[in-house]
C-alpha atoms as a PDB file:
ATOM      1  CA  MET A   1      30.795 -13.127  59.917  1.00  0.00           C
ATOM      2  CA  THR A   2      29.463 -11.630  56.527  1.00  0.00           C
ATOM      3  CA  LEU A   3      29.704  -7.636  56.203  1.00  0.00           C
ATOM      4  CA  GLY A   4      27.458  -5.544  54.781  1.00  0.00           C
ATOM      5  CA  TRP A   5      23.727  -4.893  54.192  1.00  0.00           C
ATOM      6  CA  ARG A   6      21.318  -7.841  55.421  1.00  0.00           C
ATOM      7  CA  ARG A   7      17.346  -8.087  54.197  1.00  0.00           C
ATOM      8  CA  LEU A   8      15.678  -8.432  57.555  1.00  0.00           C
ATOM      9  CA  SER A   9      12.055  -8.159  56.183  1.00  0.00           C
ATOM     10  CA  PRO A  10      11.011  -6.625  52.598  1.00  0.00           C
ATOM     11  CA  SER A  11      10.410  -3.737  54.140  1.00  0.00           C
ATOM     12  CA  ALA A  12      13.507  -3.452  56.708  1.00  0.00           C
ATOM     13  CA  GLU A  13      17.686  -3.718  56.042  1.00  0.00           C
ATOM     14  CA  LEU A  14      20.443  -3.708  58.463  1.00  0.00           C
ATOM     15  CA  PHE A  15      24.090  -2.940  58.692  1.00  0.00           C
ATOM     16  CA  VAL A  16      25.855  -3.994  61.843  1.00  0.00           C
ATOM     17  CA  ASP A  17      29.832  -2.238  62.163  1.00  0.00           C
ATOM     18  CA  PRO A  18      31.847  -5.448  63.769  1.00  0.00           C
ATOM     19  CA  GLU A  19      34.384  -3.763  65.556  1.00  0.00           C
ATOM     20  CA  SER A  20      31.722  -0.407  67.681  1.00  0.00           C
ATOM     21  CA  GLY A  21      28.477  -2.805  66.599  1.00  0.00           C
ATOM     22  CA  ALA A  22      26.523   0.298  65.793  1.00  0.00           C
ATOM     23  CA  ARG A  23      24.040   0.089  63.411  1.00  0.00           C
ATOM     24  CA  CYS A  24      22.344   0.977  60.090  1.00  0.00           C
ATOM     25  CA  ALA A  25      18.928   0.266  59.296  1.00  0.00           C
ATOM     26  CA  VAL A  26      16.945   1.203  56.779  1.00  0.00           C
ATOM     27  CA  ARG A  27      13.157   1.065  56.657  1.00  0.00           C
ATOM     28  CA  ASP A  28      10.970   1.329  53.471  1.00  0.00           C
ATOM     29  CA  THR A  29       7.864   3.736  55.654  1.00  0.00           C
ATOM     30  CA  GLY A  30       5.913   2.859  51.801  1.00  0.00           C
ATOM     31  CA  ALA A  31       5.661   7.068  51.840  1.00  0.00           C
ATOM     32  CA  LEU A  32       5.673   8.474  48.240  1.00  0.00           C
ATOM     33  CA  GLY A  33       8.226  10.457  47.902  1.00  0.00           C
ATOM     34  CA  ALA A  34      11.334  12.242  50.132  1.00  0.00           C
ATOM     35  CA  GLU A  35      10.051  10.268  53.007  1.00  0.00           C
ATOM     36  CA  ARG A  36       9.948   6.732  51.314  1.00  0.00           C
ATOM     37  CA  TYR A  37      13.089   5.038  53.177  1.00  0.00           C
ATOM     38  CA  TYR A  38      13.849   5.630  56.780  1.00  0.00           C
ATOM     39  CA  TRP A  39      17.043   5.287  58.290  1.00  0.00           C
ATOM     40  CA  THR A  40      18.881   5.241  61.231  1.00  0.00           C
ATOM     41  CA  VAL A  41      22.089   4.976  62.756  1.00  0.00           C
ATOM     42  CA  SER A  42      22.464   3.540  66.241  1.00  0.00           C
ATOM     43  CA  ALA A  43      25.547   2.890  68.626  1.00  0.00           C
ATOM     44  CA  PHE A  44      25.492   1.424  72.433  1.00  0.00           C
ATOM     45  CA  GLY A  45      25.311   3.879  75.149  1.00  0.00           C
ATOM     46  CA  ASP A  46      24.107   7.010  72.657  1.00  0.00           C
ATOM     47  CA  HIS A  47      21.055   4.718  71.335  1.00  0.00           C
ATOM     48  CA  GLN A  48      20.168   6.636  68.416  1.00  0.00           C
ATOM     49  CA  VAL A  49      22.606   8.916  67.110  1.00  0.00           C
ATOM     50  CA  ALA A  50      21.213   9.848  63.536  1.00  0.00           C
ATOM     51  CA  ALA A  51      18.560  10.064  61.296  1.00  0.00           C
ATOM     52  CA  GLY A  52      16.688  10.711  57.876  1.00  0.00           C
ATOM     53  CA  ARG A  53      14.906  10.508  55.216  1.00  0.00           C
ATOM     54  CA  THR A  54      15.571   9.931  51.435  1.00  0.00           C
ATOM     55  CA  GLY A  55      13.437   8.460  48.109  1.00  0.00           C
ATOM     56  CA  GLU A  56      15.654   6.246  47.075  1.00  0.00           C
ATOM     57  CA  VAL A  57      17.180   3.167  48.914  1.00  0.00           C
ATOM     58  CA  ALA A  58      20.784   3.383  47.598  1.00  0.00           C
ATOM     59  CA  GLU A  59      20.387   7.033  48.964  1.00  0.00           C
ATOM     60  CA  ALA A  60      19.095   6.352  52.355  1.00  0.00           C
ATOM     61  CA  ARG A  61      22.167   3.444  52.797  1.00  0.00           C
ATOM     62  CA  SER A  62      24.378   5.973  51.911  1.00  0.00           C
ATOM     63  CA  GLN A  63      23.304   8.572  53.842  1.00  0.00           C
ATOM     64  CA  ALA A  64      23.112   5.684  56.922  1.00  0.00           C
ATOM     65  CA  GLU A  65      26.902   4.704  55.857  1.00  0.00           C
ATOM     66  CA  ALA A  66      27.810   8.366  55.909  1.00  0.00           C
ATOM     67  CA  ALA A  67      26.391   9.705  59.296  1.00  0.00           C
ATOM     68  CA  LEU A  68      27.733   5.936  61.055  1.00  0.00           C
ATOM     69  CA  VAL A  69      31.783   6.989  59.465  1.00  0.00           C
ATOM     70  CA  ALA A  70      30.720  10.547  60.883  1.00  0.00           C
ATOM     71  CA  TYR A  71      29.774   9.030  64.140  1.00  0.00           C
ATOM     72  CA  MET A  72      33.258   6.755  64.644  1.00  0.00           C
ATOM     73  CA  GLY A  73      35.125   9.505  63.422  1.00  0.00           C
ATOM     74  CA  GLY A  74      34.714  10.945  66.674  1.00  0.00           C
ATOM     75  CA  LEU A  75      31.990  13.432  66.597  1.00  0.00           C
ATOM     76  CA  GLY A  76      30.119  11.455  68.509  1.00  0.00           C
ATOM     77  CA  GLN A  77      27.078  13.998  68.309  1.00  0.00           C
ATOM     78  CA  GLU A  78      23.575  13.968  66.897  1.00  0.00           C
ATOM     79  CA  LEU A  79      23.508  14.422  63.371  1.00  0.00           C
ATOM     80  CA  THR A  80      20.848  14.923  60.556  1.00  0.00           C
ATOM     81  CA  GLY A  81      20.237  13.511  57.197  1.00  0.00           C
ATOM     82  CA  ASP A  82      21.763  15.847  54.068  1.00  0.00           C
ATOM     83  CA  ASP A  83      17.925  16.229  53.039  1.00  0.00           C
ATOM     84  CA  GLY A  84      17.274  17.671  56.250  1.00  0.00           C
ATOM     85  CA  GLY A  85      16.256  14.816  58.721  1.00  0.00           C
ATOM     86  CA  THR A  86      15.713  15.762  62.249  1.00  0.00           C
ATOM     87  CA  PRO A  87      17.290  13.238  65.019  1.00  0.00           C
ATOM     88  CA  GLU A  88      15.039  11.503  66.681  1.00  0.00           C
ATOM     89  CA  ALA A  89      14.572  12.373  70.207  1.00  0.00           C
ATOM     90  CA  GLU A  90      15.585  10.231  73.022  1.00  0.00           C
END
């Protein structure tokens, strides 16, 4: 299995944690500025556990990975992005 981010389409990337199956996704919304890249972290049983938006793809990946690490570290609660993003309602 190849670790790292995989491009699914011209506007979406996915990272899957091989141990837990938790997933990070980054989507280019096409919006301008800080709203352009929407990232999410999803885990089986908890669904979406974190989400946020940022203006740079590298920052979106970084925030998604940090949220995944925090979740896997035992927080297991909904998180928000550093940029003021809010968790999505289920």
